[in-house]
Amino acid sequence: MISTKGEGERAVVATVNETMFALRIGRAKLYELLHSRALDSYREGASRKITWSSIDAYVERRLAEESKRRGSE
């Protein structure tokens, strides 16, 4: 069951602007990630919603890739 957003909790989905801010990336890079399916999203009317779980998973993948890259130098 999905609960409503309470104090100290975040919503299940983020807007495009929230995602750009969270990842510190621009709109073009965000849409590149969306088109490559690196982030899960859906349309709600005219707006795009991105799941926080996919944002978290993307950051974890990037950290793992960077750790692997640094370890192989």
Protein backbone atom coordinates (compact mmCIF):
# COMPACT_ATOMS: atom_id res chain seq x y z
CA MET A 1 0.00 0.00 0.00
CA ILE A 2 1.30 3.45 -0.88
CA SER A 3 0.85 5.91 1.92
CA THR A 4 0.44 9.63 1.56
CA LYS A 5 3.44 11.87 2.00
CA GLY A 6 4.00 12.76 5.64
CA GLU A 7 6.59 14.86 7.38
CA GLY A 8 10.06 13.48 6.72
CA GLU A 9 8.80 11.23 3.91
CA ARG A 10 9.14 11.75 0.21
CA ALA A 11 6.60 11.06 -2.50
CA VAL A 12 6.83 7.86 -4.53
CA VAL A 13 7.52 9.84 -7.70
CA ALA A 14 9.47 12.96 -8.60
CA THR A 15 8.84 15.58 -11.24
CA VAL A 16 11.32 16.30 -14.01
CA ASN A 17 12.55 19.39 -12.15
CA GLU A 18 12.90 17.50 -8.85
CA THR A 19 14.88 14.77 -10.60
CA MET A 20 17.15 17.29 -12.32
CA PHE A 21 17.80 18.95 -8.96
CA ALA A 22 18.35 15.66 -7.11
CA LEU A 23 20.86 14.37 -9.67
CA ARG A 24 22.36 17.81 -10.40
CA ILE A 25 21.93 17.30 -14.13
CA GLY A 26 20.32 19.29 -16.93
CA ARG A 27 17.13 18.59 -18.81
CA ALA A 28 18.90 17.13 -21.87
CA LYS A 29 20.85 14.64 -19.73
CA LEU A 30 17.69 13.69 -17.85
CA TYR A 31 15.80 12.96 -21.06
CA GLU A 32 18.80 10.97 -22.31
CA LEU A 33 18.53 8.81 -19.16
CA LEU A 34 14.78 8.46 -19.64
CA HIS A 35 15.12 7.45 -23.30
CA SER A 36 17.81 4.90 -22.44
CA ARG A 37 15.48 3.54 -19.74
CA ALA A 38 18.06 4.17 -17.02
CA LEU A 39 15.19 5.76 -15.07
CA ASP A 40 11.59 4.55 -14.83
CA SER A 41 8.93 7.09 -15.68
CA TYR A 42 5.39 7.52 -16.88
CA ARG A 43 3.16 10.31 -18.15
CA GLU A 44 0.48 11.71 -15.88
CA GLY A 45 -1.53 14.02 -18.07
CA ALA A 46 0.96 16.50 -19.52
CA SER A 47 3.65 15.86 -16.91
CA ARG A 48 6.33 13.20 -16.61
CA LYS A 49 6.80 11.38 -13.30
CA ILE A 50 10.01 9.53 -12.38
CA THR A 51 10.06 6.94 -9.61
CA TRP A 52 12.37 7.70 -6.70
CA SER A 53 13.26 4.01 -6.54
CA SER A 54 14.69 4.20 -10.07
CA ILE A 55 16.56 7.41 -9.18
CA ASP A 56 18.07 5.67 -6.14
CA ALA A 57 18.92 2.58 -8.22
CA TYR A 58 20.59 4.75 -10.88
CA VAL A 59 22.81 6.44 -8.26
CA GLU A 60 23.74 3.04 -6.79
CA ARG A 61 24.66 1.72 -10.27
CA ARG A 62 26.77 4.81 -10.99
CA LEU A 63 28.55 4.49 -7.66
CA ALA A 64 29.27 0.81 -8.32
CA GLU A 65 30.57 1.62 -11.82
CA GLU A 66 32.81 4.37 -10.44
CA SER A 67 34.10 2.13 -7.66
CA LYS A 68 34.88 -0.60 -10.19
CA ARG A 69 36.59 1.90 -12.49
CA ARG A 70 38.74 3.27 -9.68
CA GLY A 71 39.63 -0.21 -8.52
CA SER A 72 40.85 -1.25 -11.97
CA GLU A 73 43.22 1.71 -12.46
